[in-house]
């Protein structure tokens, strides 16, 4: 009989306390980070696990004076894409990662 080792692995990375969750668009994976663990005034969205690749920074959360700043590569995306990314990032910041959509399969035959 085998027993599973329940002790934490010494090389396992501790979860980032500032990470709020993530989302994707089919081409890229985005991660949302709060600026601080308690009462953050901003959040950042990074692409593909690279914290240096900033997609979006939203500041003014505590003052209600919101300001969005887009990263160089991302500000040229369509207005629709930017609105989707901004709205999804807000959802993840406040609620965590969205649940994956259930896929329905149809058989015609």
C-alpha atoms as a PDB file:
ATOM      1  CA  UNK A   1       0.000   0.000   0.000  1.00  0.00           C
ATOM      2  CA  UNK A   2       1.384   3.400  -0.972  1.00  0.00           C
ATOM      3  CA  UNK A   3       0.863   6.567   1.036  1.00  0.00           C
ATOM      4  CA  UNK A   4       0.927   9.975  -0.485  1.00  0.00           C
ATOM      5  CA  UNK A   5       3.467  12.356   0.998  1.00  0.00           C
ATOM      6  CA  UNK A   6       1.501  15.281   2.416  1.00  0.00           C
ATOM      7  CA  UNK A   7       4.487  17.408   3.380  1.00  0.00           C
ATOM      8  CA  UNK A   8       5.102  20.434   1.147  1.00  0.00           C
ATOM      9  CA  UNK A   9       7.872  20.089  -1.369  1.00  0.00           C
ATOM     10  CA  UNK A  10      10.910  22.199  -0.506  1.00  0.00           C
ATOM     11  CA  UNK A  11      11.216  23.526  -4.074  1.00  0.00           C
ATOM     12  CA  UNK A  12       7.535  24.383  -4.465  1.00  0.00           C
ATOM     13  CA  UNK A  13       7.081  28.111  -4.977  1.00  0.00           C
ATOM     14  CA  UNK A  14       4.797  29.877  -2.551  1.00  0.00           C
ATOM     15  CA  UNK A  15       1.753  31.420  -4.242  1.00  0.00           C
ATOM     16  CA  UNK A  16       2.072  35.115  -4.990  1.00  0.00           C
ATOM     17  CA  UNK A  17      -0.191  36.944  -2.497  1.00  0.00           C
ATOM     18  CA  UNK A  18      -0.717  39.766  -5.008  1.00  0.00           C
ATOM     19  CA  UNK A  19      -1.966  37.522  -7.825  1.00  0.00           C
ATOM     20  CA  UNK A  20      -5.741  37.771  -8.221  1.00  0.00           C
ATOM     21  CA  UNK A  21      -6.207  35.335 -11.105  1.00  0.00           C
ATOM     22  CA  UNK A  22      -6.020  35.184 -14.851  1.00  0.00           C
ATOM     23  CA  UNK A  23      -7.860  35.000 -18.149  1.00  0.00           C
ATOM     24  CA  UNK A  24      -7.046  34.424 -21.796  1.00  0.00           C
ATOM     25  CA  UNK A  25      -8.093  35.348 -25.305  1.00  0.00           C
ATOM     26  CA  UNK A  26      -7.028  32.184 -27.113  1.00  0.00           C
ATOM     27  CA  UNK A  27      -3.641  33.619 -28.111  1.00  0.00           C
ATOM     28  CA  UNK A  28      -2.307  34.956 -24.817  1.00  0.00           C
ATOM     29  CA  UNK A  29      -2.753  34.295 -21.116  1.00  0.00           C
ATOM     30  CA  UNK A  30      -3.131  37.318 -18.825  1.00  0.00           C
ATOM     31  CA  UNK A  31      -2.506  37.493 -15.076  1.00  0.00           C
ATOM     32  CA  UNK A  32      -3.953  40.178 -12.798  1.00  0.00           C
ATOM     33  CA  UNK A  33      -1.868  41.436  -9.852  1.00  0.00           C
ATOM     34  CA  UNK A  34      -2.924  43.830  -7.084  1.00  0.00           C
ATOM     35  CA  UNK A  35      -0.493  46.605  -6.146  1.00  0.00           C
ATOM     36  CA  UNK A  36      -0.565  45.571  -2.469  1.00  0.00           C
ATOM     37  CA  UNK A  37      -2.069  42.852  -0.307  1.00  0.00           C
ATOM     38  CA  UNK A  38      -4.313  45.249   1.627  1.00  0.00           C
ATOM     39  CA  UNK A  39      -6.361  48.075   0.088  1.00  0.00           C
ATOM     40  CA  UNK A  40      -4.609  48.194  -3.286  1.00  0.00           C
ATOM     41  CA  UNK A  41      -4.904  51.446  -5.217  1.00  0.00           C
ATOM     42  CA  UNK A  42      -4.092  49.821  -8.554  1.00  0.00           C
ATOM     43  CA  UNK A  43      -3.777  46.566 -10.400  1.00  0.00           C
ATOM     44  CA  UNK A  44      -1.609  45.400 -13.276  1.00  0.00           C
ATOM     45  CA  UNK A  45      -2.290  42.909 -16.041  1.00  0.00           C
ATOM     46  CA  UNK A  46       0.715  41.019 -17.405  1.00  0.00           C
ATOM     47  CA  UNK A  47       0.943  38.732 -20.432  1.00  0.00           C
ATOM     48  CA  UNK A  48       2.096  35.125 -20.626  1.00  0.00           C
ATOM     49  CA  UNK A  49       3.664  34.921 -17.177  1.00  0.00           C
ATOM     50  CA  UNK A  50       6.062  37.804 -17.855  1.00  0.00           C
ATOM     51  CA  UNK A  51       5.595  40.537 -15.233  1.00  0.00           C
ATOM     52  CA  UNK A  52       7.645  42.899 -17.409  1.00  0.00           C
ATOM     53  CA  UNK A  53       5.125  42.595 -20.270  1.00  0.00           C
ATOM     54  CA  UNK A  54       2.521  44.997 -18.902  1.00  0.00           C
ATOM     55  CA  UNK A  55      -0.744  44.933 -20.788  1.00  0.00           C
ATOM     56  CA  UNK A  56      -2.742  47.301 -18.591  1.00  0.00           C
ATOM     57  CA  UNK A  57      -2.360  49.263 -15.365  1.00  0.00           C
ATOM     58  CA  UNK A  58      -5.493  50.605 -13.693  1.00  0.00           C
ATOM     59  CA  UNK A  59      -4.873  53.137 -10.916  1.00  0.00           C
ATOM     60  CA  UNK A  60      -7.125  55.199  -8.657  1.00  0.00           C
ATOM     61  CA  UNK A  61      -9.125  52.309  -7.207  1.00  0.00           C
ATOM     62  CA  UNK A  62      -9.343  53.760  -3.695  1.00  0.00           C
ATOM     63  CA  UNK A  63      -9.921  57.352  -4.814  1.00  0.00           C
ATOM     64  CA  UNK A  64     -12.478  56.354  -7.493  1.00  0.00           C
ATOM     65  CA  UNK A  65     -10.443  58.480  -9.924  1.00  0.00           C
ATOM     66  CA  UNK A  66      -9.767  55.610 -12.321  1.00  0.00           C
ATOM     67  CA  UNK A  67      -7.064  55.855 -14.953  1.00  0.00           C
ATOM     68  CA  UNK A  68      -6.051  53.108 -17.391  1.00  0.00           C
ATOM     69  CA  UNK A  69      -2.598  52.973 -18.962  1.00  0.00           C
ATOM     70  CA  UNK A  70      -1.955  50.483 -21.764  1.00  0.00           C
ATOM     71  CA  UNK A  71       1.391  48.862 -22.487  1.00  0.00           C
ATOM     72  CA  UNK A  72       3.175  49.695 -25.754  1.00  0.00           C
ATOM     73  CA  UNK A  73       2.262  46.497 -27.593  1.00  0.00           C
ATOM     74  CA  UNK A  74      -1.338  46.527 -26.375  1.00  0.00           C
ATOM     75  CA  UNK A  75      -2.547  50.100 -26.907  1.00  0.00           C
ATOM     76  CA  UNK A  76      -2.890  49.524 -30.656  1.00  0.00           C
ATOM     77  CA  UNK A  77      -5.444  46.738 -30.213  1.00  0.00           C
ATOM     78  CA  UNK A  78      -9.024  47.408 -31.276  1.00  0.00           C
ATOM     79  CA  UNK A  79     -11.276  49.402 -28.971  1.00  0.00           C
ATOM     80  CA  UNK A  80     -13.492  46.327 -28.595  1.00  0.00           C
ATOM     81  CA  UNK A  81     -10.544  44.154 -27.503  1.00  0.00           C
ATOM     82  CA  UNK A  82      -9.333  46.773 -25.020  1.00  0.00           C
ATOM     83  CA  UNK A  83     -12.832  47.125 -23.527  1.00  0.00           C
ATOM     84  CA  UNK A  84     -13.093  43.326 -23.222  1.00  0.00           C
ATOM     85  CA  UNK A  85      -9.632  43.094 -21.606  1.00  0.00           C
ATOM     86  CA  UNK A  86     -10.374  45.965 -19.204  1.00  0.00           C
ATOM     87  CA  UNK A  87     -13.763  44.563 -18.162  1.00  0.00           C
ATOM     88  CA  UNK A  88     -12.381  41.040 -17.749  1.00  0.00           C
ATOM     89  CA  UNK A  89      -9.411  42.326 -15.733  1.00  0.00           C
ATOM     90  CA  UNK A  90     -11.787  44.184 -13.383  1.00  0.00           C
ATOM     91  CA  UNK A  91     -13.845  41.008 -12.982  1.00  0.00           C
ATOM     92  CA  UNK A  92     -10.736  38.966 -12.140  1.00  0.00           C
ATOM     93  CA  UNK A  93      -9.414  41.642  -9.772  1.00  0.00           C
ATOM     94  CA  UNK A  94     -12.632  41.698  -7.742  1.00  0.00           C
ATOM     95  CA  UNK A  95     -13.883  38.101  -8.170  1.00  0.00           C
ATOM     96  CA  UNK A  96     -10.974  35.847  -9.163  1.00  0.00           C
ATOM     97  CA  UNK A  97     -10.504  33.914 -12.390  1.00  0.00           C
ATOM     98  CA  UNK A  98     -13.622  33.333 -14.453  1.00  0.00           C
ATOM     99  CA  UNK A  99     -14.927  29.782 -14.613  1.00  0.00           C
ATOM    100  CA  UNK A 100     -14.213  28.015 -17.897  1.00  0.00           C
ATOM    101  CA  UNK A 101     -17.150  27.984 -20.263  1.00  0.00           C
ATOM    102  CA  UNK A 102     -18.879  24.638 -20.532  1.00  0.00           C
ATOM    103  CA  UNK A 103     -18.694  23.242 -24.024  1.00  0.00           C
ATOM    104  CA  UNK A 104     -21.689  21.493 -25.482  1.00  0.00           C
ATOM    105  CA  UNK A 105     -21.110  18.854 -28.104  1.00  0.00           C
ATOM    106  CA  UNK A 106     -23.730  18.044 -30.704  1.00  0.00           C
ATOM    107  CA  UNK A 107     -23.986  14.870 -32.715  1.00  0.00           C
ATOM    108  CA  UNK A 108     -25.918  15.036 -35.949  1.00  0.00           C
ATOM    109  CA  UNK A 109     -26.006  11.562 -36.867  1.00  0.00           C
END
